[in-house]
Protein backbone atom coordinates (compact mmCIF):
# COMPACT_ATOMS: atom_id res chain seq x y z
CA MET A 1 69.97 204.26 -59.91
CA GLN A 2 71.87 204.41 -62.59
CA LEU A 3 74.83 202.79 -62.13
CA ARG A 4 73.13 199.63 -61.12
CA TRP A 5 71.06 199.34 -64.21
CA VAL A 6 74.43 199.78 -66.37
CA GLN A 7 76.12 196.80 -63.97
CA ASN A 8 72.88 194.57 -64.72
CA VAL A 9 73.70 195.43 -68.71
CA VAL A 10 76.94 194.57 -68.40
CA VAL A 11 76.36 191.40 -66.83
CA SER A 12 73.33 190.12 -69.03
CA VAL A 13 75.25 191.05 -71.62
CA ALA A 14 78.23 188.63 -70.28
CA VAL A 15 75.53 185.74 -69.44
CA TRP A 16 74.39 185.94 -73.41
CA LEU A 17 77.42 185.32 -74.50
CA ALA A 18 78.11 182.81 -71.72
CA VAL A 19 75.61 180.62 -74.00
CA PRO A 20 77.10 178.19 -76.70
CA THR A 21 75.37 179.52 -80.28
CA VAL A 22 74.39 176.12 -81.67
CA VAL A 23 75.05 176.57 -85.45
CA ALA A 24 74.06 173.89 -88.03
CA GLN A 25 77.07 173.18 -90.19
CA GLN A 26 76.84 172.76 -93.61
CA LEU A 27 79.38 170.85 -96.35
CA ILE A 28 78.97 171.56 -99.96
CA PHE A 29 79.55 168.43 -102.16
CA ASP A 30 80.02 168.11 -106.01
CA GLY A 31 76.98 168.10 -108.33
CA ALA A 32 76.65 166.63 -111.84
CA ALA A 33 78.03 169.43 -114.92
CA GLU A 34 75.65 167.48 -117.09
CA ARG A 35 72.19 166.81 -116.72
CA GLU A 36 71.80 164.73 -113.53
CA ASN A 37 71.65 160.30 -113.99
CA HIS A 38 69.36 158.51 -111.68
CA GLN A 39 72.69 156.98 -110.39
CA ALA A 40 73.49 160.67 -109.21
CA GLN A 41 70.16 161.18 -107.51
CA PHE A 42 70.09 158.26 -105.78
CA VAL A 43 73.70 159.00 -103.77
CA GLN A 44 72.43 162.91 -103.47
CA ALA A 45 69.20 161.66 -101.57
CA MET A 46 71.32 158.58 -100.24
CA LEU A 47 74.32 161.02 -98.42
CA THR A 48 70.97 163.76 -97.55
CA GLU A 49 69.58 161.40 -95.63
CA ALA A 50 72.39 159.84 -94.16
CA TYR A 51 74.69 163.68 -93.40
CA SER A 52 71.08 164.68 -92.21
CA GLU A 53 70.88 162.42 -88.78
CA LEU A 54 74.88 163.47 -88.41
CA GLY A 55 72.68 167.02 -87.62
CA ILE A 56 74.71 167.86 -91.24
CA THR A 57 72.83 169.66 -94.03
CA LEU A 58 74.35 169.31 -97.72
CA ASN A 59 74.90 171.32 -100.82
CA PHE A 60 75.76 170.64 -104.18
CA GLN A 61 77.62 172.46 -106.87
CA SER A 62 77.89 171.89 -110.27
CA ALA A 63 80.79 171.35 -111.83
CA PRO A 64 83.47 169.00 -114.49
CA ILE A 65 84.19 165.82 -113.27
CA GLY A 66 87.55 166.70 -113.60
CA ARG A 67 87.09 170.08 -112.23
CA SER A 68 85.60 168.24 -109.24
CA PHE A 69 88.23 166.46 -107.87
CA VAL A 70 90.35 169.06 -108.22
CA GLU A 71 88.27 171.11 -105.77
CA ALA A 72 87.94 168.78 -103.37
CA ASN A 73 91.61 167.18 -103.52
CA ALA A 74 91.76 171.20 -102.81
CA GLY A 75 89.18 171.70 -99.90
CA ARG A 76 87.14 173.81 -102.13
CA ILE A 77 83.96 171.71 -101.52
CA ASP A 78 84.03 169.32 -98.82
CA GLY A 79 83.75 166.02 -101.06
CA LEU A 80 82.48 163.72 -103.71
CA ARG A 81 79.49 162.01 -104.02
CA ALA A 82 80.41 158.76 -105.67
CA ARG A 83 83.82 158.07 -107.14
CA VAL A 84 85.64 154.37 -108.05
CA GLU A 85 88.97 153.69 -105.95
CA GLN A 86 91.08 155.15 -107.69
CA SER A 87 90.17 159.07 -106.58
CA GLY A 88 92.42 158.54 -103.12
CA GLN A 89 95.18 157.18 -104.99
CA GLN A 90 95.83 160.34 -107.55
CA PHE A 91 94.26 162.58 -105.10
CA PRO A 92 95.85 161.62 -102.03
CA ASN A 93 93.39 164.76 -99.46
CA LEU A 94 90.77 162.59 -100.16
CA LEU A 95 89.40 160.18 -97.84
CA LYS A 96 87.44 157.17 -98.27
CA VAL A 97 84.07 155.87 -96.85
CA ASP A 98 84.58 152.48 -96.64
CA VAL A 99 80.95 151.76 -97.84
CA PRO A 100 80.49 150.83 -101.67
CA LEU A 101 77.29 152.86 -102.69
CA LEU A 102 76.66 151.32 -105.96
CA GLU A 103 78.63 149.67 -108.76
CA ILE A 104 79.22 151.31 -111.41
CA ASP A 105 79.42 150.11 -115.36
CA VAL A 106 81.74 150.75 -118.10
CA MET A 107 80.51 150.99 -121.35
CA ILE A 108 81.31 150.84 -124.89
CA VAL A 109 79.82 152.21 -127.38
CA ALA A 110 80.21 151.49 -131.05
CA ASP A 111 78.81 151.02 -134.54
CA ARG A 112 77.86 146.84 -135.39
CA ARG A 113 78.35 147.86 -139.23
CA ASP A 114 82.11 148.14 -138.15
CA CYS A 115 82.83 145.71 -135.88
CA GLY A 116 80.12 143.56 -135.17
CA LEU A 117 79.71 143.16 -131.76
CA CYS A 118 82.40 145.04 -131.29
CA GLU A 119 85.03 143.77 -128.87
CA LEU A 120 87.96 145.45 -127.67
CA SER A 121 90.20 143.72 -129.72
CA SER A 122 88.51 145.15 -132.61
CA LEU A 123 88.87 148.72 -131.68
CA ASN A 124 91.62 150.96 -132.19
CA SER A 125 90.66 154.18 -131.07
CA LEU A 126 88.33 155.38 -128.20
CA ALA A 127 86.62 158.88 -127.32
CA THR A 128 86.55 159.30 -122.91
CA VAL A 129 85.62 161.95 -121.42
CA GLN A 130 88.02 164.33 -119.18
CA GLY A 131 88.25 163.28 -115.66
CA MET A 132 86.18 159.78 -115.63
CA LEU A 133 88.14 157.66 -113.46
CA ALA A 134 86.41 154.87 -114.04
CA ALA A 135 87.79 154.59 -117.82
CA ASP A 136 91.34 155.58 -116.16
CA LYS A 137 91.39 152.45 -114.39
CA PHE A 138 89.72 150.26 -116.49
CA LEU A 139 92.13 151.59 -119.58
CA LEU A 140 94.95 150.72 -117.28
CA GLN A 141 94.05 146.96 -117.12
CA GLN A 142 94.03 146.69 -120.52
CA SER A 143 97.38 145.15 -122.19
CA LYS A 144 95.89 147.17 -125.88
CA LYS A 145 96.99 150.52 -125.60
CA PHE A 146 93.81 152.78 -127.66
CA GLN A 147 94.32 156.52 -129.35
CA ARG A 148 92.50 158.29 -126.17
CA VAL A 149 90.19 161.39 -127.42
CA ASP A 150 89.22 163.21 -124.12
CA VAL A 151 87.13 165.71 -124.47
CA ALA A 152 84.26 167.88 -121.91
CA ASN A 153 80.86 165.64 -122.10
CA THR A 154 78.97 163.15 -123.03
CA ASP A 155 77.77 164.71 -125.82
CA GLN A 156 80.98 165.51 -127.49
CA ALA A 157 82.17 161.87 -127.50
CA MET A 158 79.10 161.05 -129.09
CA ALA A 159 79.32 163.31 -132.29
CA MET A 160 83.14 161.55 -132.82
CA LEU A 161 81.18 158.72 -133.08
CA ASP A 162 78.24 160.23 -135.28
CA ALA A 163 81.44 161.36 -137.66
CA ASP A 164 83.26 158.22 -136.99
CA ARG A 165 86.10 159.81 -136.41
CA ILE A 166 86.92 157.45 -133.53
CA ASP A 167 86.00 153.68 -133.62
CA GLY A 168 84.23 153.17 -129.86
CA VAL A 169 83.19 155.53 -127.14
CA LEU A 170 83.73 154.62 -123.53
CA VAL A 171 81.57 155.76 -120.59
CA THR A 172 79.38 155.24 -117.62
CA GLU A 173 76.24 153.99 -117.80
CA ALA A 174 74.53 157.17 -116.12
CA MET A 175 76.05 158.71 -118.49
CA LEU A 176 73.94 157.13 -121.54
CA GLU A 177 70.91 157.88 -119.32
CA ASN A 178 69.81 161.34 -120.96
CA VAL A 179 71.15 160.51 -124.42
CA SER A 180 69.06 159.53 -127.57
CA LEU A 181 71.00 156.00 -128.93
CA LEU A 182 68.20 155.19 -131.17
CA ARG A 183 69.24 158.36 -132.96
CA ASN A 184 71.43 155.56 -134.68
CA PRO A 185 69.77 152.05 -134.66
CA HIS A 186 73.09 150.45 -135.96
CA TYR A 187 75.10 151.18 -132.52
CA ILE A 188 76.10 148.54 -129.71
CA VAL A 189 76.08 149.18 -126.06
CA TYR A 190 77.49 146.81 -123.71
CA PRO A 191 79.40 146.62 -120.32
CA VAL A 192 83.38 146.13 -120.24
CA ALA A 193 84.25 146.42 -116.49
CA THR A 194 81.97 146.67 -113.26
CA ILE A 195 83.84 149.08 -110.15
CA SER A 196 82.38 150.11 -107.11
CA ALA A 197 82.09 153.71 -106.66
CA TYR A 198 82.60 154.87 -102.70
CA HIS A 199 81.95 158.32 -101.07
CA TRP A 200 85.03 160.66 -100.47
CA LEU A 201 85.68 163.57 -97.90
CA ASN A 202 88.58 166.01 -97.47
CA LYS A 203 90.90 165.41 -94.78
CA LYS A 204 89.96 168.07 -92.78
CA HIS A 205 86.44 166.40 -92.23
CA ALA A 206 88.54 163.35 -91.02
CA ASP A 207 86.64 163.51 -87.95
CA LEU A 208 83.52 162.79 -89.51
CA LEU A 209 84.64 159.89 -91.35
CA PRO A 210 83.74 157.10 -88.83
CA LYS A 211 80.91 159.23 -88.06
CA ILE A 212 79.52 159.39 -91.78
CA GLN A 213 80.45 155.28 -92.10
CA ARG A 214 78.33 154.18 -89.55
CA GLN A 215 75.52 156.05 -90.62
CA LEU A 216 75.68 154.97 -94.35
CA GLU A 217 76.61 151.21 -92.69
CA THR A 218 72.96 151.15 -90.32
CA MET A 219 71.16 152.57 -93.44
CA ASP A 220 72.54 149.60 -95.28
CA SER A 221 71.91 147.12 -92.36
CA VAL A 222 68.49 148.54 -92.30
CA GLY A 223 67.92 148.09 -95.57
CA ARG A 224 67.11 151.73 -96.13
CA ILE A 225 69.60 152.52 -99.04
CA ALA A 226 68.03 149.34 -100.90
CA GLU A 227 64.63 150.66 -100.17
CA LEU A 228 66.41 153.77 -101.94
CA ALA A 229 68.07 151.98 -104.71
CA GLY A 230 64.53 150.79 -105.89
CA GLN A 231 63.12 154.21 -105.73
CA PHE A 232 65.69 155.19 -108.58
CA GLY A 233 65.60 151.93 -109.90
CA ILE A 234 69.30 151.47 -109.26
CA ASP A 235 70.64 147.54 -110.04
CA ARG A 236 72.89 148.27 -106.49
CA GLN A 237 74.21 144.68 -106.61
CA LYS A 238 74.45 142.84 -109.51
CA GLN A 239 74.81 138.97 -108.35
CA PRO A 240 72.37 135.91 -110.08
CA LEU A 241 68.91 136.19 -108.20
CA ALA A 242 68.36 132.64 -106.60
CA ASP A 243 65.26 132.27 -109.23
CA SER A 244 66.55 132.96 -112.18
CA ILE A 245 69.29 130.33 -111.93
CA THR A 246 66.86 127.70 -111.22
CA GLN A 247 63.19 128.85 -112.65
CA GLN A 248 62.84 128.01 -116.35
CA VAL A 249 62.22 130.58 -119.09
CA SER A 250 59.58 131.82 -121.15
CA ALA A 251 60.02 132.90 -124.70
CA VAL A 252 58.02 133.86 -127.74
CA SER A 253 57.85 135.00 -131.17
CA SER A 254 56.74 134.23 -134.65
CA ALA A 255 57.52 131.60 -137.08
CA TRP A 256 60.12 132.76 -139.26
CA LEU A 257 61.75 130.05 -141.66
CA GLU A 258 64.99 128.36 -139.86
CA TYR A 259 65.07 130.89 -137.27
CA SER A 260 62.29 130.01 -135.07
CA ASP A 261 59.40 128.15 -136.90
CA SER A 262 60.28 125.04 -134.64
CA GLU A 263 61.73 123.95 -131.85
CA SER A 264 65.68 123.39 -133.36
CA ALA A 265 65.64 126.79 -134.98
CA THR A 266 68.40 128.75 -134.35
CA TYR A 267 66.85 131.54 -131.92
CA TRP A 268 65.85 128.89 -129.95
CA ARG A 269 68.79 126.61 -130.13
CA LEU A 270 70.97 130.11 -129.05
CA MET A 271 68.42 130.72 -126.09
CA ARG A 272 68.97 127.34 -124.98
CA HIS A 273 72.48 127.65 -125.08
CA ALA A 274 72.11 130.77 -122.26
CA PHE A 275 69.66 129.69 -120.20
CA GLY A 276 69.46 125.68 -120.40
CA LYS A 277 65.36 125.43 -119.36
CA LEU A 278 63.27 127.20 -122.25
CA LYS A 279 59.53 127.58 -122.68
CA ILE A 280 58.74 129.24 -126.27
CA GLU A 281 56.13 129.60 -128.24
CA ILE A 282 55.54 130.34 -131.85
CA THR A 283 52.82 132.48 -132.79
CA ASN A 284 51.51 135.36 -134.68
CA TRP A 285 54.21 138.60 -134.28
CA LYS A 286 51.21 140.53 -132.89
CA ARG A 287 49.89 137.94 -130.60
CA ALA A 288 53.52 137.48 -130.03
CA LYS A 289 53.76 141.15 -128.87
CA LYS A 290 50.80 141.67 -126.97
CA GLN A 291 51.20 138.27 -124.83
CA PHE A 292 54.99 139.66 -124.02
CA PHE A 293 53.85 142.98 -123.35
CA ALA A 294 51.21 142.04 -121.05
CA GLY A 295 54.23 139.81 -118.89
CA GLN A 296 53.36 136.20 -119.75
CA PHE A 297 56.39 135.65 -121.18
CA ASP A 298 60.24 136.29 -120.30
CA VAL A 299 61.75 136.97 -123.73
CA LEU A 300 60.07 138.64 -126.45
CA VAL A 301 62.19 137.33 -129.67
CA GLY A 302 63.79 138.88 -133.22
CA ALA A 303 62.69 142.37 -132.92
CA TYR A 304 63.41 145.85 -133.42
CA ALA A 305 65.04 148.49 -131.54
CA SER A 306 61.89 150.59 -132.00
CA GLU A 307 59.80 147.97 -130.71
CA VAL A 308 61.02 148.45 -127.16
CA LYS A 309 58.07 149.68 -124.74
CA PRO A 310 58.92 151.61 -121.74
CA GLY A 311 59.44 148.81 -118.91
CA THR A 312 61.50 146.99 -121.07
CA ILE A 313 64.99 146.67 -122.50
CA LEU A 314 66.61 145.03 -125.54
CA SER A 315 69.42 142.71 -125.81
CA ALA A 316 73.14 144.23 -125.83
CA SER A 317 73.80 141.88 -128.87
CA HIS A 318 71.68 141.72 -132.24
CA ILE A 319 71.09 138.30 -133.25
CA ASP A 320 70.23 138.85 -136.83
CA TYR A 321 69.95 141.50 -139.10
CA GLU A 322 66.88 141.91 -140.70
CA GLU A 323 66.59 142.02 -144.93
CA PRO A 324 65.48 145.95 -145.90
CA VAL A 325 62.13 146.39 -146.14
CA LEU A 326 60.14 146.68 -149.64
CA ALA A 327 57.52 148.36 -151.23
CA ILE A 328 56.17 145.52 -154.01
CA GLY A 329 53.91 146.29 -156.74
CA LYS A 330 53.70 146.27 -160.38
CA ASN A 331 54.66 149.74 -161.42
CA THR A 332 58.35 151.01 -159.93
CA ALA A 333 57.38 155.36 -160.67
CA LEU A 334 53.60 154.66 -159.02
CA LEU A 335 55.66 152.88 -156.28
CA LYS A 336 57.78 155.98 -155.68
CA SER A 337 55.37 158.16 -156.10
CA GLN A 338 52.93 156.68 -153.40
CA ILE A 339 55.85 156.09 -150.82
CA ALA A 340 56.57 159.37 -151.26
CA GLY A 341 52.93 160.38 -150.55
CA ASP A 342 52.52 162.25 -153.72
CA ILE A 343 49.63 159.46 -154.28
CA SER A 344 47.69 158.01 -151.76
CA ALA A 345 47.27 153.63 -151.38
CA ARG A 346 46.27 151.06 -150.05
CA ALA A 347 49.14 148.36 -148.81
CA CYS A 348 49.26 144.89 -147.13
CA GLN A 349 51.62 143.56 -144.37
CA MET A 350 51.79 140.43 -142.05
CA LEU A 351 49.74 140.51 -138.67
CA GLY A 352 51.97 142.67 -136.02
CA TYR A 353 54.21 143.71 -138.78
CA ASP A 354 54.91 147.76 -138.03
CA PHE A 355 56.02 148.91 -140.86
CA GLN A 356 53.39 152.02 -140.38
CA PRO A 357 56.10 154.49 -139.03
CA TRP A 358 58.19 154.19 -142.10
CA LEU A 359 55.12 155.23 -144.62
CA PRO A 360 53.73 158.28 -145.22
CA ALA A 361 50.31 159.02 -143.36
CA THR A 362 49.04 158.78 -147.19
CA ILE A 363 48.65 154.59 -147.27
CA GLU A 364 46.12 152.71 -145.99
CA MET A 365 47.42 149.32 -144.22
CA TYR A 366 45.72 145.98 -144.15
CA GLU A 367 47.12 143.43 -142.39
CA VAL A 368 46.76 139.30 -143.49
CA THR A 369 47.84 135.85 -141.75
CA ASP A 370 48.95 134.54 -144.50
CA LEU A 371 51.26 136.32 -146.84
CA ASP A 372 49.31 134.62 -149.59
CA ASP A 373 46.48 136.82 -149.45
CA CYS A 374 48.73 139.57 -149.61
CA TYR A 375 49.76 138.39 -153.07
CA ARG A 376 45.66 137.39 -154.11
CA MET A 377 45.13 141.49 -152.85
CA LEU A 378 47.93 142.79 -155.39
CA SER A 379 46.53 140.23 -157.96
CA SER A 380 43.53 141.40 -158.11
CA ASP A 381 44.32 145.14 -156.97
CA ARG A 382 42.16 144.98 -153.97
CA VAL A 383 45.54 146.53 -152.82
CA ASP A 384 48.64 148.51 -154.65
CA MET A 385 51.54 147.47 -153.23
CA ILE A 386 53.00 144.40 -150.49
CA ILE A 387 55.76 145.98 -147.32
CA ASP A 388 57.13 143.44 -146.79
CA TYR A 389 61.27 141.64 -147.28
CA ARG A 390 62.40 141.22 -150.36
CA TYR A 391 62.80 137.01 -149.45
CA GLY A 392 58.88 137.33 -149.19
CA MET A 393 58.98 137.94 -153.10
CA ASP A 394 58.49 134.97 -155.15
CA ASP A 395 57.47 133.90 -159.04
CA ARG A 396 54.36 132.73 -158.90
CA GLN A 397 52.42 136.02 -160.12
CA ASP A 398 51.79 136.02 -163.17
CA THR A 399 52.87 139.10 -163.35
CA PRO A 400 56.56 140.56 -162.75
CA LEU A 401 56.73 142.58 -159.49
CA GLN A 402 59.44 145.79 -158.92
CA ALA A 403 60.41 146.77 -155.90
CA ILE A 404 62.02 149.62 -153.60
CA GLU A 405 63.12 149.87 -150.37
CA VAL A 406 61.49 151.52 -147.41
CA ARG A 407 64.32 151.31 -145.05
CA GLU A 408 67.28 149.69 -144.36
CA ARG A 409 68.63 146.61 -143.18
CA LEU A 410 68.25 146.71 -139.41
CA PRO A 411 69.72 144.19 -136.43
CA ILE A 412 66.94 142.55 -133.73
CA PHE A 413 67.20 141.73 -131.01
CA LEU A 414 65.33 139.82 -127.22
CA ILE A 415 63.35 142.25 -125.86
CA PHE A 416 63.29 141.79 -121.66
CA HIS A 417 61.52 143.11 -119.03
CA ASP A 418 63.34 145.85 -116.97
CA ASP A 419 62.88 144.70 -113.68
CA PRO A 420 65.96 142.82 -111.80
CA ARG A 421 65.16 139.17 -113.39
CA GLY A 422 64.54 140.19 -116.69
CA ARG A 423 68.11 142.42 -115.83
CA TYR A 424 70.10 139.24 -115.45
CA LEU A 425 68.78 137.47 -117.68
CA ARG A 426 70.08 140.06 -120.00
CA ARG A 427 73.20 139.79 -118.27
CA GLN A 428 72.70 136.39 -118.66
CA PHE A 429 72.41 136.29 -122.18
CA ASP A 430 74.95 138.91 -123.53
CA ASN A 431 78.10 137.33 -121.51
CA SER A 432 76.60 133.69 -123.20
CA PHE A 433 75.86 135.21 -127.20
CA ARG A 434 79.33 137.08 -126.85
CA ASN A 435 81.23 134.27 -126.10
CA LEU A 436 79.25 131.80 -128.50
CA VAL A 437 80.71 134.51 -131.41
CA ILE A 438 84.05 135.25 -130.08
CA SER A 439 84.47 130.92 -129.69
CA GLY A 440 83.88 130.88 -133.28
CA GLN A 441 81.03 128.43 -132.18
CA ALA A 442 78.03 130.34 -132.99
CA VAL A 443 78.39 130.26 -136.92
CA SER A 444 77.15 126.53 -136.19
CA PHE A 445 73.91 127.69 -135.00
CA TYR A 446 72.83 129.98 -138.12
CA PRO A 447 71.32 127.93 -140.96
CA SER A 448 74.21 128.57 -142.75
CA VAL A 449 77.71 130.33 -143.29
CA ASP A 450 76.35 132.84 -145.39
CA ALA A 451 73.31 133.23 -142.82
CA PHE A 452 75.67 134.19 -140.50
CA ASN A 453 77.43 136.67 -141.99
CA THR A 454 74.00 137.95 -142.88
CA ALA A 455 73.93 138.92 -139.01
CA GLN A 456 77.10 140.94 -138.89
CA LEU A 457 78.05 139.68 -135.44
CA LEU A 458 81.81 140.35 -137.59
CA GLY A 459 81.69 143.16 -138.48
CA LYS A 460 83.10 144.52 -141.65
CA ASP A 461 86.05 142.01 -143.36
């Protein structure tokens, strides 16, 4: 009896061992060493869903961008989320999944005061992030040779630009997502190339390549990838929209003499050159901003970078450099004390101008629709100062006026809505305007040569 029990146990164990064990497969891909950006999140969500349909779970390990290539090529991680074509040339053990996942914009960041619109021809030295193959690919295609400095991350590259140690920074758009470019309002950011990015697998997973490729193609054909792209704010295809080509563009601004006060003024001529059809409205600046941010117009013309709100974006190209903002009053010493916040004061400004952020809380602001009203209020001591630009000063007052600078001269821009149409219109304007400046035609759009030079579109002489 005991022998029979032992035999039964042996048979049961043998049968159990014969049943195949189902083990869920796991793959390890690169993760972002720096803070995750919306492009990385999009690709990670897309790949997680695609591999899940194949019964595969994914883990993501953080590593510097350059190191991730080495790890994937050596097989210590199973692949890379999204990299440019050159990956396979430099790392032979990586196989490309031939479905473009997104388009990567390669961007230049530089200082407008030094180089204007900062064409590559005006730059000699560039900082790039180590392992950024998109930069390698772009620079290899350039006839000009740049002094190149590789650094560990975007923050180090921007620190070099802040310190004036290099002329520009070459990065991808996603790398700038967590960088506050308003730290320096004079920085220009514009795309110089667009490169497709693909998913890569180590060759030990060659059997998986056709399966994941079919899965991604299926997700693309049914619109799932486009749906995910929309969730993460990705322009996966940067092609013109049909209605953007044919539909009239609308723009609104204030009435600035010779620049936006008539149909033939500078800013409107620049916009017509870019868009052809143009519907304009000229009103006070407060109303112009209110109408644009309410979605009634495509473009707000003549804004500071600080006037951008969530859901809107600046043109990469500035269209002008505004004069410094001044505090205008009767006594310089008193003005300095009031601007320092030592003494409370009353100030007058044009309706809609947003000078308050540059002033102490001790200054109470009054708004008027006609600048002459400010001068009358100052003359009768109803206000202590006028906050305006130097060209607002005149000699019509009996009492000589004094002025001190409140804020340096800053670039002004167009603002667009941050949606597919707005992003397309911005690209169209930036390309048109940049070509005008490069060709030398832009100077004829401005009231005079001096006015064009004041716009600082060509940088330092």
